[in-house]
């Protein structure tokens, strides 16, 4: 019966540390992807493009101003403010 070689304790600790760092980086990236997806869903729910195409830009502007005031997420607020500036 053969035994698998085991790394020295120092290397074993380094391997485990790298695995933890890799998992942390993966979870961070996954969180960013989910936040972006949720942001896109939220933007789609605003219905601003439809209001603008229907010639109701004033209503779209009012809705955006309300969304900016109520927004708790700094990143989302920046997106909303850019959309508001694009409306003029």
N, C-alpha and C. Protein backbone atom coordinates (compact mmCIF):
# COMPACT_ATOMS: atom_id res chain seq x y z
N UNK A 1 0.84 -1.18 0.00
CA UNK A 1 0.00 0.00 0.00
C UNK A 1 0.89 1.25 0.00
N UNK A 2 0.65 2.13 -0.95
CA UNK A 2 1.47 3.34 -1.04
C UNK A 2 0.74 4.51 -0.41
N UNK A 3 1.51 5.36 0.16
CA UNK A 3 0.97 6.58 0.77
C UNK A 3 1.25 7.77 -0.10
N UNK A 4 0.31 8.67 -0.18
CA UNK A 4 0.54 9.91 -0.93
C UNK A 4 1.52 10.79 -0.16
N UNK A 5 2.44 11.42 -0.88
CA UNK A 5 3.37 12.32 -0.17
C UNK A 5 2.61 13.54 0.35
N UNK A 6 2.98 13.99 1.51
CA UNK A 6 2.36 15.16 2.11
C UNK A 6 3.37 16.31 2.10
N UNK A 7 2.90 17.51 1.81
CA UNK A 7 3.84 18.64 1.83
C UNK A 7 4.26 18.96 3.26
N UNK A 8 5.37 19.61 3.40
CA UNK A 8 5.79 20.05 4.75
C UNK A 8 4.74 21.00 5.33
N UNK A 9 4.75 21.15 6.63
CA UNK A 9 3.74 21.99 7.30
C UNK A 9 3.73 23.43 6.79
N UNK A 10 4.88 23.97 6.51
CA UNK A 10 4.94 25.36 6.02
C UNK A 10 4.25 25.46 4.66
N UNK A 11 4.53 24.52 3.78
CA UNK A 11 3.88 24.54 2.46
C UNK A 11 2.39 24.28 2.58
N UNK A 12 2.02 23.36 3.48
CA UNK A 12 0.60 23.06 3.67
C UNK A 12 -0.16 24.31 4.11
N UNK A 13 0.42 25.07 5.02
CA UNK A 13 -0.22 26.31 5.49
C UNK A 13 -0.33 27.32 4.34
N UNK A 14 0.72 27.40 3.51
CA UNK A 14 0.69 28.33 2.38
C UNK A 14 -0.39 27.91 1.37
N UNK A 15 -0.49 26.60 1.10
CA UNK A 15 -1.54 26.11 0.18
C UNK A 15 -2.93 26.48 0.68
N UNK A 16 -3.15 26.26 1.95
CA UNK A 16 -4.47 26.57 2.52
C UNK A 16 -4.76 28.06 2.47
N UNK A 17 -3.73 28.86 2.72
CA UNK A 17 -3.90 30.32 2.66
C UNK A 17 -4.25 30.76 1.24
N UNK A 18 -3.58 30.21 0.25
CA UNK A 18 -3.87 30.58 -1.14
C UNK A 18 -5.27 30.16 -1.54
N UNK A 19 -5.71 29.00 -1.06
CA UNK A 19 -7.07 28.55 -1.37
C UNK A 19 -8.09 29.51 -0.77
N UNK A 20 -7.83 29.99 0.42
CA UNK A 20 -8.74 30.95 1.06
C UNK A 20 -8.78 32.26 0.30
N UNK A 21 -7.61 32.71 -0.16
CA UNK A 21 -7.55 33.97 -0.92
C UNK A 21 -8.28 33.82 -2.25
N UNK A 22 -8.12 32.65 -2.88
CA UNK A 22 -8.81 32.41 -4.16
C UNK A 22 -10.31 32.44 -3.95
N UNK A 23 -10.78 31.84 -2.89
CA UNK A 23 -12.22 31.82 -2.62
C UNK A 23 -12.73 33.23 -2.33
N UNK A 24 -11.94 33.99 -1.60
CA UNK A 24 -12.32 35.38 -1.30
C UNK A 24 -12.46 36.17 -2.60
N UNK A 25 -11.48 36.03 -3.50
CA UNK A 25 -11.52 36.75 -4.77
C UNK A 25 -12.71 36.31 -5.62
N UNK A 26 -13.00 35.02 -5.62
CA UNK A 26 -14.15 34.51 -6.37
C UNK A 26 -15.44 35.10 -5.83
N UNK A 27 -15.60 35.08 -4.51
CA UNK A 27 -16.82 35.61 -3.90
C UNK A 27 -16.95 37.11 -4.15
N UNK A 28 -15.82 37.84 -4.13
CA UNK A 28 -15.86 39.27 -4.42
C UNK A 28 -16.35 39.51 -5.85
N UNK A 29 -15.78 38.77 -6.81
CA UNK A 29 -16.20 38.92 -8.20
C UNK A 29 -17.65 38.54 -8.41
N UNK A 30 -18.07 37.46 -7.76
CA UNK A 30 -19.46 37.03 -7.87
C UNK A 30 -20.39 38.11 -7.31
N UNK A 31 -20.00 38.72 -6.21
CA UNK A 31 -20.80 39.80 -5.64
C UNK A 31 -20.93 40.98 -6.60
N UNK A 32 -19.82 41.32 -7.27
CA UNK A 32 -19.86 42.41 -8.26
C UNK A 32 -20.80 42.07 -9.41
N UNK A 33 -20.72 40.83 -9.91
CA UNK A 33 -21.60 40.42 -11.01
C UNK A 33 -23.06 40.50 -10.60
N UNK A 34 -23.37 40.02 -9.41
CA UNK A 34 -24.75 40.06 -8.94
C UNK A 34 -25.24 41.49 -8.76
N UNK A 35 -24.37 42.36 -8.24
CA UNK A 35 -24.75 43.76 -8.06
C UNK A 35 -25.03 44.42 -9.42
N UNK A 36 -24.19 44.13 -10.41
CA UNK A 36 -24.42 44.68 -11.76
C UNK A 36 -25.72 44.16 -12.35
N UNK A 37 -25.99 42.87 -12.18
CA UNK A 37 -27.23 42.29 -12.71
C UNK A 37 -28.44 42.95 -12.04
N UNK A 38 -28.38 43.10 -10.72
CA UNK A 38 -29.49 43.73 -10.01
C UNK A 38 -29.67 45.18 -10.43
N UNK A 39 -28.55 45.86 -10.69
CA UNK A 39 -28.63 47.25 -11.14
C UNK A 39 -29.34 47.33 -12.49
N UNK A 40 -29.00 46.44 -13.40
CA UNK A 40 -29.63 46.43 -14.73
C UNK A 40 -31.12 46.13 -14.61
N UNK A 41 -31.49 45.22 -13.71
CA UNK A 41 -32.91 44.92 -13.50
C UNK A 41 -33.64 46.15 -12.98
N UNK A 42 -32.99 46.85 -12.04
CA UNK A 42 -33.61 48.05 -11.46
C UNK A 42 -33.79 49.13 -12.52
N UNK A 43 -32.76 49.31 -13.36
CA UNK A 43 -32.86 50.32 -14.41
C UNK A 43 -33.98 49.99 -15.38
N UNK A 44 -34.14 48.72 -15.70
CA UNK A 44 -35.21 48.32 -16.63
C UNK A 44 -36.58 48.59 -16.03
N UNK A 45 -36.67 48.51 -14.70
CA UNK A 45 -37.97 48.70 -14.06
C UNK A 45 -38.38 50.18 -14.00
N UNK A 46 -37.45 51.08 -14.23
CA UNK A 46 -37.79 52.51 -14.15
C UNK A 46 -38.76 52.93 -15.24
N UNK A 47 -38.72 52.31 -16.40
CA UNK A 47 -39.61 52.65 -17.49
C UNK A 47 -39.33 54.01 -18.10
N UNK A 48 -38.13 54.51 -17.90
CA UNK A 48 -37.79 55.85 -18.36
C UNK A 48 -37.71 55.95 -19.87
N UNK A 49 -37.17 54.92 -20.49
CA UNK A 49 -37.06 54.95 -21.95
C UNK A 49 -38.43 55.05 -22.60
N UNK A 50 -39.38 54.31 -22.07
CA UNK A 50 -40.73 54.34 -22.63
C UNK A 50 -41.34 55.73 -22.47
N UNK A 51 -41.20 56.33 -21.29
CA UNK A 51 -41.75 57.67 -21.08
C UNK A 51 -41.11 58.67 -22.03
N UNK A 52 -39.81 58.56 -22.23
CA UNK A 52 -39.12 59.48 -23.13
C UNK A 52 -39.60 59.30 -24.56
N UNK A 53 -39.74 58.04 -24.99
CA UNK A 53 -40.20 57.78 -26.36
C UNK A 53 -41.63 58.26 -26.57
N UNK A 54 -42.41 58.26 -25.52
CA UNK A 54 -43.79 58.72 -25.63
C UNK A 54 -43.91 60.24 -25.52
N UNK A 55 -42.76 60.92 -25.40
CA UNK A 55 -42.79 62.37 -25.31
C UNK A 55 -43.13 62.86 -23.91
N UNK A 56 -42.94 62.03 -22.93
CA UNK A 56 -43.27 62.39 -21.54
C UNK A 56 -41.98 62.52 -20.73
N UNK A 57 -41.04 63.31 -21.26
CA UNK A 57 -39.74 63.48 -20.62
C UNK A 57 -39.86 64.13 -19.25
N UNK A 58 -40.86 65.01 -19.07
CA UNK A 58 -41.04 65.65 -17.76
C UNK A 58 -41.36 64.62 -16.69
N UNK A 59 -42.20 63.64 -17.02
CA UNK A 59 -42.53 62.58 -16.06
C UNK A 59 -41.29 61.73 -15.78
N UNK A 60 -40.52 61.44 -16.82
CA UNK A 60 -39.30 60.65 -16.64
C UNK A 60 -38.34 61.40 -15.72
N UNK A 61 -38.20 62.71 -15.92
CA UNK A 61 -37.32 63.53 -15.08
C UNK A 61 -37.79 63.51 -13.63
N UNK A 62 -39.09 63.64 -13.42
CA UNK A 62 -39.64 63.62 -12.06
C UNK A 62 -39.36 62.28 -11.38
N UNK A 63 -39.55 61.18 -12.12
CA UNK A 63 -39.29 59.86 -11.56
C UNK A 63 -37.81 59.67 -11.23
N UNK A 64 -36.95 60.16 -12.09
CA UNK A 64 -35.51 60.06 -11.84
C UNK A 64 -35.10 60.87 -10.62
N UNK A 65 -35.63 62.07 -10.48
CA UNK A 65 -35.31 62.89 -9.32
C UNK A 65 -35.74 62.20 -8.03
N UNK A 66 -36.90 61.57 -8.05
CA UNK A 66 -37.38 60.83 -6.88
C UNK A 66 -36.46 59.64 -6.60
N UNK A 67 -36.07 58.92 -7.64
CA UNK A 67 -35.19 57.76 -7.46
C UNK A 67 -33.84 58.19 -6.89
N UNK A 68 -33.31 59.33 -7.34
CA UNK A 68 -32.04 59.82 -6.82
C UNK A 68 -32.16 60.14 -5.34
N UNK A 69 -33.26 60.79 -4.95
CA UNK A 69 -33.46 61.14 -3.54
C UNK A 69 -33.58 59.90 -2.66
N UNK A 70 -34.25 58.86 -3.17
CA UNK A 70 -34.51 57.67 -2.35
C UNK A 70 -33.38 56.64 -2.40
N UNK A 71 -32.47 56.80 -3.32
CA UNK A 71 -31.43 55.81 -3.53
C UNK A 71 -30.43 55.79 -2.38
N UNK A 72 -30.17 54.61 -1.85
CA UNK A 72 -29.21 54.47 -0.76
C UNK A 72 -27.85 53.98 -1.24
N UNK A 73 -27.78 53.54 -2.47
CA UNK A 73 -26.55 52.98 -3.02
C UNK A 73 -25.83 54.05 -3.83
N UNK A 74 -24.60 54.36 -3.46
CA UNK A 74 -23.85 55.44 -4.12
C UNK A 74 -23.63 55.17 -5.61
N UNK A 75 -23.34 53.94 -5.93
CA UNK A 75 -23.09 53.58 -7.33
C UNK A 75 -24.36 53.74 -8.17
N UNK A 76 -25.46 53.27 -7.63
CA UNK A 76 -26.73 53.40 -8.35
C UNK A 76 -27.12 54.87 -8.48
N UNK A 77 -26.87 55.64 -7.42
CA UNK A 77 -27.18 57.07 -7.46
C UNK A 77 -26.42 57.75 -8.59
N UNK A 78 -25.15 57.39 -8.77
CA UNK A 78 -24.34 57.98 -9.85
C UNK A 78 -24.94 57.65 -11.21
N UNK A 79 -25.41 56.43 -11.39
CA UNK A 79 -26.04 56.04 -12.66
C UNK A 79 -27.30 56.86 -12.88
N UNK A 80 -28.11 56.99 -11.84
CA UNK A 80 -29.35 57.76 -11.95
C UNK A 80 -29.08 59.23 -12.27
N UNK A 81 -28.06 59.78 -11.64
CA UNK A 81 -27.73 61.19 -11.89
C UNK A 81 -27.25 61.39 -13.33
N UNK A 82 -26.51 60.41 -13.87
CA UNK A 82 -26.09 60.51 -15.28
C UNK A 82 -27.30 60.46 -16.20
N UNK A 83 -28.25 59.58 -15.89
CA UNK A 83 -29.46 59.50 -16.71
C UNK A 83 -30.25 60.80 -16.63
N UNK A 84 -30.29 61.38 -15.45
CA UNK A 84 -30.99 62.66 -15.26
C UNK A 84 -30.31 63.75 -16.07
N UNK A 85 -28.99 63.78 -16.09
CA UNK A 85 -28.25 64.78 -16.87
C UNK A 85 -28.49 64.56 -18.36
N UNK A 86 -28.60 63.30 -18.79
CA UNK A 86 -28.86 63.02 -20.20
C UNK A 86 -30.23 63.51 -20.64
N UNK A 87 -31.19 63.51 -19.72
CA UNK A 87 -32.53 64.01 -20.06
C UNK A 87 -32.51 65.53 -20.26
N UNK A 88 -31.57 66.19 -19.60
CA UNK A 88 -31.45 67.64 -19.77
C UNK A 88 -32.19 68.44 -18.79
